Protein backbone atom coordinates (compact mmCIF):
# COMPACT_ATOMS: atom_id res chain seq x y z
CA UNK A 1 128.97 54.45 97.09
CA UNK A 2 126.77 54.16 100.16
CA UNK A 3 124.19 51.38 100.24
CA UNK A 4 121.00 52.33 98.48
CA UNK A 5 117.69 51.43 100.17
CA UNK A 6 115.61 51.94 96.99
CA UNK A 7 117.74 50.20 94.36
CA UNK A 8 119.45 46.80 94.39
CA UNK A 9 122.72 47.96 92.81
CA UNK A 10 124.29 50.35 90.30
CA UNK A 11 123.25 48.16 87.37
CA UNK A 12 119.61 48.46 88.46
CA UNK A 13 120.05 52.24 88.69
CA UNK A 14 121.45 52.29 85.17
CA UNK A 15 118.53 50.25 83.84
CA UNK A 16 116.04 52.66 85.44
CA UNK A 17 117.95 55.61 83.99
CA UNK A 18 117.97 54.13 80.47
CA UNK A 19 114.20 53.73 80.72
CA UNK A 20 113.86 57.25 82.15
CA UNK A 21 111.44 55.68 84.63
CA UNK A 22 109.72 58.52 86.56
CA UNK A 23 109.05 56.23 89.51
CA UNK A 24 112.71 56.60 90.46
CA UNK A 25 112.92 60.36 90.04
CA UNK A 26 114.61 61.78 93.14
CA UNK A 27 115.44 58.37 94.57
CA UNK A 28 118.91 58.46 93.06
CA UNK A 29 121.07 60.71 90.88
CA UNK A 30 123.51 59.78 88.14
CA UNK A 31 126.85 61.55 87.67
CA UNK A 32 128.89 61.34 84.47
CA UNK A 33 132.63 61.20 85.00
CA UNK A 34 133.57 62.69 81.63
CA UNK A 35 131.38 65.80 81.95
CA UNK A 36 131.46 66.44 85.70
CA UNK A 37 127.65 66.81 85.63
CA UNK A 38 125.02 64.94 87.64
CA UNK A 39 121.38 64.42 86.56
CA UNK A 40 118.03 63.04 87.53
CA UNK A 41 117.26 59.54 86.13
CA UNK A 42 114.59 61.13 83.92
CA UNK A 43 117.00 63.52 82.17
CA UNK A 44 116.39 63.75 78.42
CA UNK A 45 120.07 64.12 77.58
CA UNK A 46 121.77 61.34 75.63
CA UNK A 47 122.31 58.32 77.87
CA UNK A 48 126.00 57.96 78.76
CA UNK A 49 127.82 54.63 78.76
CA UNK A 50 127.59 52.52 81.88
CA UNK A 51 131.32 52.84 82.61
CA UNK A 52 131.03 56.65 82.85
CA UNK A 53 128.15 56.65 85.37
CA UNK A 54 128.35 57.02 89.12
CA UNK A 55 125.19 56.77 91.23
CA UNK A 56 124.31 58.70 94.38
CA UNK A 57 121.34 58.75 96.71
CA UNK A 58 121.18 62.52 97.06
CA UNK A 59 122.18 65.62 95.15
CA UNK A 60 124.29 66.67 98.14
CA UNK A 61 126.25 63.42 97.91
CA UNK A 62 126.90 63.96 94.19
CA UNK A 63 128.06 67.51 94.81
CA UNK A 64 130.29 66.37 97.64
CA UNK A 65 131.98 64.12 95.08
CA UNK A 66 132.67 67.17 92.88
CA UNK A 67 129.82 67.02 90.32
CA UNK A 68 127.72 69.99 89.17
CA UNK A 69 123.94 70.00 88.70
CA UNK A 70 122.57 69.60 85.18
CA UNK A 71 120.89 72.70 83.74
CA UNK A 72 118.58 70.57 81.56
CA UNK A 73 116.89 68.19 84.02
CA UNK A 74 117.54 70.48 87.02
CA UNK A 75 118.15 68.14 89.98
CA UNK A 76 117.02 70.84 92.41
CA UNK A 77 113.44 70.18 91.24
CA UNK A 78 113.46 66.43 91.93
CA UNK A 79 110.96 65.08 94.50
CA UNK A 80 112.34 64.03 97.89
CA UNK A 81 112.64 60.65 99.51
CA UNK A 82 109.85 60.56 102.14
CA UNK A 83 111.27 57.63 104.21
CA UNK A 84 108.66 55.66 106.13
CA UNK A 85 110.43 53.50 108.74
CA UNK A 86 110.41 54.70 112.33
CA UNK A 87 114.21 54.77 112.58
CA UNK A 88 114.31 57.35 109.78
CA UNK A 89 112.14 59.91 111.59
CA UNK A 90 115.20 61.73 112.93
CA UNK A 91 116.51 62.05 109.37
CA UNK A 92 113.10 63.18 108.12
CA UNK A 93 112.80 65.89 110.76
CA UNK A 94 116.40 67.05 110.38
CA UNK A 95 116.04 67.32 106.61
CA UNK A 96 112.68 69.12 106.97
CA UNK A 97 114.22 71.74 109.24
CA UNK A 98 117.22 72.18 106.98
CA UNK A 99 114.93 72.49 103.96
CA UNK A 100 112.94 75.16 105.80
CA UNK A 101 116.13 77.17 106.38
CA UNK A 102 116.86 76.47 110.05
CA UNK A 103 120.62 76.28 109.50
CA UNK A 104 120.76 79.59 107.66
CA UNK A 105 121.01 81.28 111.05
CA UNK A 106 121.86 78.37 113.37
CA UNK A 107 124.62 75.83 113.92
CA UNK A 108 124.43 72.03 114.00
CA UNK A 109 124.35 72.07 117.81
CA UNK A 110 121.12 74.10 117.75
CA UNK A 111 119.51 71.74 115.23
CA UNK A 112 120.52 68.72 117.28
CA UNK A 113 119.12 70.35 120.42
CA UNK A 114 115.76 70.87 118.73
CA UNK A 115 115.71 67.21 117.77
CA UNK A 116 116.74 65.98 121.22
CA UNK A 117 120.05 64.37 120.21
CA UNK A 118 123.72 65.29 120.34
CA UNK A 119 125.38 67.04 117.42
CA UNK A 120 127.68 64.06 116.99
CA UNK A 121 124.76 61.64 116.77
CA UNK A 122 122.95 63.88 114.27
CA UNK A 123 126.02 64.14 112.03
CA UNK A 124 126.58 60.39 112.12
CA UNK A 125 122.91 59.64 111.40
CA UNK A 126 122.75 61.96 108.39
CA UNK A 127 126.03 60.68 106.98
CA UNK A 128 124.84 57.08 107.36
CA UNK A 129 121.46 57.86 105.76
CA UNK A 130 122.35 60.43 103.10
CA UNK A 131 126.12 60.34 102.75
CA UNK A 132 126.54 64.01 103.77
CA UNK A 133 126.75 66.07 106.95
CA UNK A 134 124.10 68.60 108.05
CA UNK A 135 126.35 71.49 106.96
CA UNK A 136 126.92 69.99 103.51
CA UNK A 137 123.20 69.29 103.07
CA UNK A 138 122.29 72.84 104.09
CA UNK A 139 124.73 74.34 101.59
CA UNK A 140 123.39 72.13 98.82
CA UNK A 141 119.83 73.21 99.62
CA UNK A 142 120.80 76.91 99.56
CA UNK A 143 122.54 76.64 96.22
CA UNK A 144 119.77 74.51 94.73
CA UNK A 145 117.14 77.09 95.63
CA UNK A 146 119.38 79.90 94.33
CA UNK A 147 119.77 78.08 91.01
CA UNK A 148 116.01 77.61 90.75
CA UNK A 149 115.29 81.26 91.54
CA UNK A 150 117.81 82.43 88.98
CA UNK A 151 116.28 80.25 86.28
CA UNK A 152 112.60 80.62 87.11
CA UNK A 153 112.00 84.01 88.71
CA UNK A 154 112.64 87.69 88.10
CA UNK A 155 114.12 88.33 91.54
CA UNK A 156 117.16 90.64 91.68
CA UNK A 157 120.45 88.86 92.42
CA UNK A 158 120.71 90.32 95.91
CA UNK A 159 117.19 89.10 96.76
CA UNK A 160 118.07 85.66 95.44
CA UNK A 161 121.09 85.55 97.73
CA UNK A 162 119.13 86.37 100.88
CA UNK A 163 116.08 84.26 99.95
CA UNK A 164 118.40 81.27 99.52
CA UNK A 165 119.76 81.67 103.02
CA UNK A 166 123.08 83.40 102.40
CA UNK A 167 124.12 86.12 104.84
CA UNK A 168 125.76 88.29 102.18
CA UNK A 169 125.86 88.72 98.41
CA UNK A 170 129.62 88.24 98.43
CA UNK A 171 129.36 84.81 100.07
CA UNK A 172 126.56 83.86 97.71
CA UNK A 173 128.55 84.83 94.62
CA UNK A 174 131.62 82.94 95.81
CA UNK A 175 129.71 79.78 96.76
CA UNK A 176 127.70 79.74 93.55
CA UNK A 177 130.75 80.25 91.33
CA UNK A 178 132.64 77.50 93.16
CA UNK A 179 129.77 75.02 92.82
CA UNK A 180 128.63 75.78 89.25
CA UNK A 181 131.84 77.17 87.71
CA UNK A 182 130.06 80.37 86.65
CA UNK A 183 128.77 83.51 88.38
CA UNK A 184 125.06 83.81 89.21
CA UNK A 185 124.62 86.55 86.60
CA UNK A 186 125.26 84.06 83.80
CA UNK A 187 122.34 81.92 84.92
CA UNK A 188 119.85 84.79 85.09
CA UNK A 189 117.10 84.33 82.47
CA UNK A 190 114.54 87.03 83.23
CA UNK A 191 114.63 90.71 84.07
CA UNK A 192 113.02 91.81 87.37
CA UNK A 193 109.29 92.58 87.09
CA UNK A 194 105.88 91.80 88.55
CA UNK A 195 104.23 91.71 91.98
CA UNK A 196 104.84 88.03 92.69
CA UNK A 197 107.23 85.22 91.86
CA UNK A 198 106.47 81.72 90.60
CA UNK A 199 108.33 78.54 91.53
CA UNK A 200 108.00 75.07 90.04
CA UNK A 201 107.79 72.08 92.39
CA UNK A 202 108.01 68.64 90.73
CA UNK A 203 106.39 65.44 91.94
CA UNK A 204 106.27 61.77 90.95
CA UNK A 205 103.22 61.17 88.77
CA UNK A 206 100.41 60.40 89.06
CA UNK A 207 98.90 63.08 91.30
CA UNK A 208 95.17 63.14 92.10
CA UNK A 209 95.05 66.94 91.98
CA UNK A 210 91.26 67.29 91.89
CA UNK A 211 90.93 65.01 94.93
CA UNK A 212 93.52 67.08 96.79
CA UNK A 213 91.59 70.26 96.07
CA UNK A 214 88.30 68.63 97.07
CA UNK A 215 89.77 67.61 100.43
CA UNK A 216 91.29 71.03 101.10
CA UNK A 217 88.21 72.90 99.85
CA UNK A 218 85.93 71.16 102.33
CA UNK A 219 88.30 72.04 105.18
CA UNK A 220 89.40 75.50 104.05
CA UNK A 221 89.38 78.03 106.89
CA UNK A 222 87.18 80.98 105.88
CA UNK A 223 89.14 84.19 105.21
CA UNK A 224 92.47 82.32 105.59
CA UNK A 225 92.28 79.80 102.75
CA UNK A 226 90.42 79.75 99.44
CA UNK A 227 90.11 76.82 97.06
CA UNK A 228 88.72 77.32 93.57
CA UNK A 229 88.22 74.72 90.84
CA UNK A 230 91.89 74.80 89.88
CA UNK A 231 93.88 76.55 92.62
CA UNK A 232 94.63 76.73 96.33
CA UNK A 233 95.23 80.14 97.92
CA UNK A 234 95.99 81.27 101.44
CA UNK A 235 97.17 84.10 103.64
CA UNK A 236 100.74 83.78 104.87
CA UNK A 237 101.97 85.88 107.78
CA UNK A 238 105.56 85.48 108.95
CA UNK A 239 106.48 88.14 111.47
CA UNK A 240 105.74 91.49 109.88
CA UNK A 241 105.70 90.03 106.36
CA UNK A 242 102.23 89.29 105.00
CA UNK A 243 101.28 88.07 101.57
CA UNK A 244 99.40 85.63 99.41
CA UNK A 245 100.41 82.16 98.30
CA UNK A 246 98.66 80.53 95.34
CA UNK A 247 99.24 76.99 94.06
CA UNK A 248 98.21 75.70 90.63
CA UNK A 249 98.81 72.48 88.72
CA UNK A 250 100.95 71.90 85.62
CA UNK A 251 100.19 68.26 84.69
CA UNK A 252 102.28 68.38 81.50
CA UNK A 253 105.42 68.84 83.59
CA UNK A 254 104.24 66.82 86.61
CA UNK A 255 104.70 69.94 88.70
CA UNK A 256 102.90 72.48 90.83
CA UNK A 257 103.34 76.21 90.28
CA UNK A 258 103.65 78.21 93.47
CA UNK A 259 102.90 81.93 93.13
CA UNK A 260 104.29 83.94 96.05
CA UNK A 261 103.85 87.63 96.86
CA UNK A 262 107.11 89.56 96.65
CA UNK A 263 106.63 90.52 100.31
CA UNK A 264 107.29 86.86 101.19
CA UNK A 265 110.21 86.03 98.91
CA UNK A 266 112.82 86.17 101.66
CA UNK A 267 110.99 83.22 103.26
CA UNK A 268 111.03 81.02 100.15
CA UNK A 269 112.98 78.12 101.69
CA UNK A 270 110.39 77.88 104.44
CA UNK A 271 107.44 78.28 102.07
CA UNK A 272 108.64 75.67 99.60
CA UNK A 273 109.09 73.10 102.37
CA UNK A 274 105.56 73.79 103.65
CA UNK A 275 103.96 73.53 100.20
CA UNK A 276 105.73 70.25 99.52
CA UNK A 277 104.35 68.89 102.80
CA UNK A 278 100.83 70.25 102.25
CA UNK A 279 100.51 68.59 98.84
CA UNK A 280 102.55 65.49 99.73
CA UNK A 281 104.84 66.02 96.74
CA UNK A 282 107.51 63.57 97.90
CA UNK A 283 105.16 60.58 97.97
CA UNK A 284 105.93 57.44 95.98
CA UNK A 285 102.56 56.65 94.34
CA UNK A 286 103.77 53.56 92.48
CA UNK A 287 104.96 51.90 95.70
CA UNK A 288 101.77 52.90 97.52
CA UNK A 289 99.53 51.58 94.73
CA UNK A 290 101.45 48.32 94.55
CA UNK A 291 100.85 47.71 98.25
CA UNK A 292 97.28 48.95 98.66
CA UNK A 293 95.96 47.90 95.25
CA UNK A 294 96.67 44.26 96.03
CA UNK A 295 93.89 44.15 98.63
CA UNK A 296 90.27 43.62 97.70
CA UNK A 297 88.89 46.38 99.91
CA UNK A 298 91.02 49.06 98.24
CA UNK A 299 91.72 47.68 94.76
CA UNK A 300 88.92 49.52 92.98
CA UNK A 301 89.60 52.80 94.79
CA UNK A 302 93.33 52.70 94.03
CA UNK A 303 92.69 51.92 90.37
CA UNK A 304 90.00 54.58 90.06
CA UNK A 305 91.93 57.40 91.74
CA UNK A 306 95.66 56.91 91.11
CA UNK A 307 98.09 59.15 92.93
CA UNK A 308 95.88 60.04 95.89
CA UNK A 309 97.91 61.98 98.46
CA UNK A 310 97.73 62.59 102.19
CA UNK A 311 97.48 66.37 102.61
CA UNK A 312 99.97 67.61 105.16
CA UNK A 313 99.97 70.84 107.13
CA UNK A 314 101.11 74.18 105.78
CA UNK A 315 100.85 75.54 109.32
CA UNK A 316 101.09 72.66 111.85
CA UNK A 317 99.46 74.56 114.71
CA UNK A 318 96.66 75.80 112.45
CA UNK A 319 95.96 72.22 111.34
CA UNK A 320 96.07 70.97 114.92
CA UNK A 321 93.51 73.60 115.93
CA UNK A 322 91.31 72.65 112.98
CA UNK A 323 91.58 69.00 114.09
CA UNK A 324 90.41 69.78 117.63
CA UNK A 325 87.53 71.85 116.26
CA UNK A 326 86.55 68.82 114.15
CA UNK A 327 86.00 66.53 117.12
CA UNK A 328 82.50 65.08 117.15
CA UNK A 329 81.15 67.47 114.50
CA UNK A 330 80.81 67.33 110.73
CA UNK A 331 83.47 68.69 108.39
CA UNK A 332 81.15 71.59 107.54
CA UNK A 333 80.49 72.27 111.20
CA UNK A 334 84.22 72.37 111.98
CA UNK A 335 84.77 74.79 109.09
CA UNK A 336 82.11 77.11 110.50
CA UNK A 337 83.78 77.04 113.92
CA UNK A 338 87.18 77.70 112.36
CA UNK A 339 85.77 80.76 110.60
CA UNK A 340 84.43 82.15 113.88
CA UNK A 341 87.72 81.48 115.63
CA UNK A 342 89.69 83.33 112.97
CA UNK A 343 87.32 86.29 112.93
CA UNK A 344 87.64 86.67 116.70
CA UNK A 345 91.28 85.79 117.36
CA UNK A 346 93.08 85.97 114.02
CA UNK A 347 95.23 88.78 112.68
CA UNK A 348 93.43 91.10 110.26
CA UNK A 349 95.39 91.51 107.00
CA UNK A 350 92.77 92.29 104.31
CA UNK A 351 94.59 91.01 101.23
CA UNK A 352 91.20 90.91 99.55
CA UNK A 353 87.60 90.20 100.45
CA UNK A 354 88.15 86.44 100.74
CA UNK A 355 91.62 86.47 102.28
CA UNK A 356 91.32 88.78 105.25
CA UNK A 357 92.94 87.04 108.24
CA UNK A 358 96.01 85.15 109.37
CA UNK A 359 95.25 82.22 111.66
CA UNK A 360 95.43 82.75 115.44
CA UNK A 361 98.83 82.14 117.04
CA UNK A 362 99.38 79.79 120.01
CA UNK A 363 100.08 82.89 122.15
CA UNK A 364 96.70 84.42 121.32
CA UNK A 365 94.69 81.24 121.90
CA UNK A 366 96.50 80.35 125.11
CA UNK A 367 95.29 83.67 126.56
CA UNK A 368 91.74 83.43 125.17
CA UNK A 369 89.44 83.21 128.17
CA UNK A 370 86.08 83.37 126.38
CA UNK A 371 86.51 80.80 123.60
CA UNK A 372 83.35 78.90 124.43
CA UNK A 373 81.13 81.99 124.29
CA UNK A 374 82.75 83.86 121.38
CA UNK A 375 83.22 80.87 119.06
CA UNK A 376 80.30 78.69 120.15
CA UNK A 377 82.32 75.77 121.48
CA UNK A 378 81.45 73.40 124.30
CA UNK A 379 83.37 74.53 127.39
CA UNK A 380 85.42 71.35 127.52
CA UNK A 381 86.54 71.66 123.90
CA UNK A 382 87.40 75.32 124.41
CA UNK A 383 89.65 74.37 127.29
CA UNK A 384 91.18 71.58 125.18
CA UNK A 385 92.01 74.14 122.52
CA UNK A 386 93.69 76.42 125.05
CA UNK A 387 95.61 73.46 126.48
CA UNK A 388 96.86 72.54 123.00
CA UNK A 389 98.00 76.14 122.50
CA UNK A 390 99.86 76.08 125.82
CA UNK A 391 101.50 72.78 124.93
CA UNK A 392 102.60 74.18 121.57
CA UNK A 393 104.07 77.26 123.28
CA UNK A 394 105.95 75.06 125.74
CA UNK A 395 107.39 72.91 122.96
CA UNK A 396 105.69 69.83 124.42
CA UNK A 397 104.39 68.52 121.09
CA UNK A 398 107.43 66.67 119.75
CA UNK A 399 107.16 66.14 115.99
CA UNK A 400 110.28 63.99 115.67
CA UNK A 401 108.70 60.82 117.02
CA UNK A 402 105.19 59.43 116.45
CA UNK A 403 104.94 57.77 119.87
CA UNK A 404 106.18 60.86 121.74
CA UNK A 405 103.80 63.12 119.80
CA UNK A 406 100.86 60.79 120.47
CA UNK A 407 101.72 60.53 124.15
CA UNK A 408 102.03 64.31 124.60
CA UNK A 409 98.85 65.11 122.70
CA UNK A 410 96.88 62.32 124.39
CA UNK A 411 97.85 63.69 127.80
CA UNK A 412 95.72 66.77 127.11
CA UNK A 413 92.24 66.45 128.53
CA UNK A 414 89.67 66.15 125.74
CA UNK A 415 92.05 64.70 123.14
CA UNK A 416 91.23 61.16 122.09
CA UNK A 417 92.63 58.52 119.72
CA UNK A 418 90.92 59.96 116.61
CA UNK A 419 92.47 63.38 117.16
CA UNK A 420 95.97 62.03 117.74
CA UNK A 421 95.81 59.71 114.73
CA UNK A 422 94.45 62.38 112.40
CA UNK A 423 97.03 64.87 113.64
CA UNK A 424 99.79 62.32 113.07
CA UNK A 425 98.58 61.91 109.48
CA UNK A 426 98.57 65.61 108.69
CA UNK A 427 100.79 67.44 111.21
CA UNK A 428 103.55 64.81 111.39
CA UNK A 429 102.74 63.63 107.88
CA UNK A 430 103.34 60.08 109.04
CA UNK A 431 102.48 57.66 106.21
CA UNK A 432 101.42 54.86 108.54
CA UNK A 433 99.22 56.84 110.93
CA UNK A 434 95.73 55.36 110.93
CA UNK A 435 92.55 56.74 112.60
CA UNK A 436 91.08 53.32 113.29
CA UNK A 437 88.30 54.80 115.43
CA UNK A 438 86.90 56.89 112.58
CA UNK A 439 83.27 55.96 111.91
CA UNK A 440 83.56 56.16 108.11
CA UNK A 441 86.61 53.89 108.14
CA UNK A 442 85.00 51.42 110.53
CA UNK A 443 81.91 51.22 108.32
CA UNK A 444 84.00 50.73 105.17
CA UNK A 445 85.92 47.90 106.83
CA UNK A 446 82.86 46.33 108.44
CA UNK A 447 84.62 46.66 111.79
CA UNK A 448 82.73 46.73 115.07
CA UNK A 449 85.40 48.58 117.01
CA UNK A 450 88.81 50.27 116.81
CA UNK A 451 90.73 47.08 117.56
CA UNK A 452 89.01 45.20 114.76
CA UNK A 453 89.64 48.05 112.30
CA UNK A 454 93.34 48.10 113.20
CA UNK A 455 93.59 44.35 112.67
CA UNK A 456 92.02 44.57 109.21
CA UNK A 457 94.33 47.43 108.23
CA UNK A 458 97.50 45.66 109.33
CA UNK A 459 98.22 44.42 105.81
CA UNK A 460 98.39 48.01 104.54
CA UNK A 461 101.49 48.98 106.51
CA UNK A 462 103.48 51.19 106.00
CA UNK A 463 100.89 53.14 103.97
CA UNK A 464 97.84 53.08 106.25
CA UNK A 465 97.43 56.88 106.08
CA UNK A 466 96.95 56.55 102.32
CA UNK A 467 94.52 53.71 102.89
CA UNK A 468 92.49 56.01 105.14
CA UNK A 469 92.43 58.65 102.40
CA UNK A 470 91.16 56.09 99.88
CA UNK A 471 88.42 54.94 102.26
CA UNK A 472 87.32 58.53 102.94
CA UNK A 473 87.45 59.40 99.26
CA UNK A 474 85.33 56.41 98.32
CA UNK A 475 82.75 57.26 100.98
CA UNK A 476 82.63 60.90 99.86
CA UNK A 477 82.11 59.89 96.24
CA UNK A 478 79.37 57.46 97.18
CA UNK A 479 77.66 60.16 99.27
CA UNK A 480 77.80 62.65 96.40
CA UNK A 481 75.97 60.19 94.11
CA UNK A 482 73.06 59.79 96.50
């Protein structure tokens, strides 16, 4: 067994499994030698004897060893790892691209090229970190999604095959039968019907769902996103395919329900990865609370709002544009500007009265010569927005490394430290990004300047992004009471 960064040893894994401790869900998997099945540590099946258990850090590693996924606890639904150390960023980005389906149509060399490393280095890094190669991980992800779609949706078998990233039904049938010792048709639970499909995405409890919706509601882009009291909705446009995505909460199962238009089902790998990032479903709230709750400034906030997440970006460029629009204006003011931008440069889709546009593409904004006049932006910020679009088109905004991303974004005229830090929080989803120059944060910390704020936040590493969310949340709550 490869060394495990989350657990001390196999005996500790076994103890966590016996307790069915949800804090360790997705951080390791247990395989039973006598059944050939592997499970999540929270599985409700009878606990096997210690001598029959083998422990693995990933589902792909367990499957590489010859074990099949449990149909009761469903390992494909387990939350991810969300590593935080800088050296793991290559792994994070590689896994994110594989999860989004990059290797369904590309080879390892292409993935390595996107990440700026050699294929050999990428293979070695993933094997060292996860115990499996990129090809093995990609196949595990395809089969895991296929299993979930067969159990949870009404999609026809052929649609399941292509949505899971297989190039043909024949290859899908063969791979599924080899992995699960049964054909896909035996797993099918529902007959095809309906205008959308629903997927379940698990997380580690607790989850501050209402706080997530409050944050997203205040920043929702008019006619692109809509946030009600209990759901998040948005327009999704991928090439010629346009549809609606709706996310609701199922607290009894510690899961989100993702409702996807049938027009988008062939993009499910991509959509699932984006929803997990947007709602920060792979976070480890117990570890975050243990670190942040020990400090006087945050103790009350952490105790009062357990499971607060850092919202990521469903569409990284869209979020980056929204961040630039938010410079030196209120949240409400930035939302108004975003609505004007969409109405002028977005793609009209008219799903319904409140979801009428897809966000502008980098190509469209890079060519926009009248942004200042048509949207009501200062000329300098309009040019900053166009420069960001050009940088995105050129591939200059590297998301594999925090320092490289910050350097590239900071090189654009009109982009300052607040913008780069906030973008790192949401676009890169970096857990330690910290907008020390933010006025609300400075006031909460009693800091006179950015340097002083950074010094006072040093003790919160590697979770400073979560600390920022707690400080903002506390300030927003206090403002609402006035």
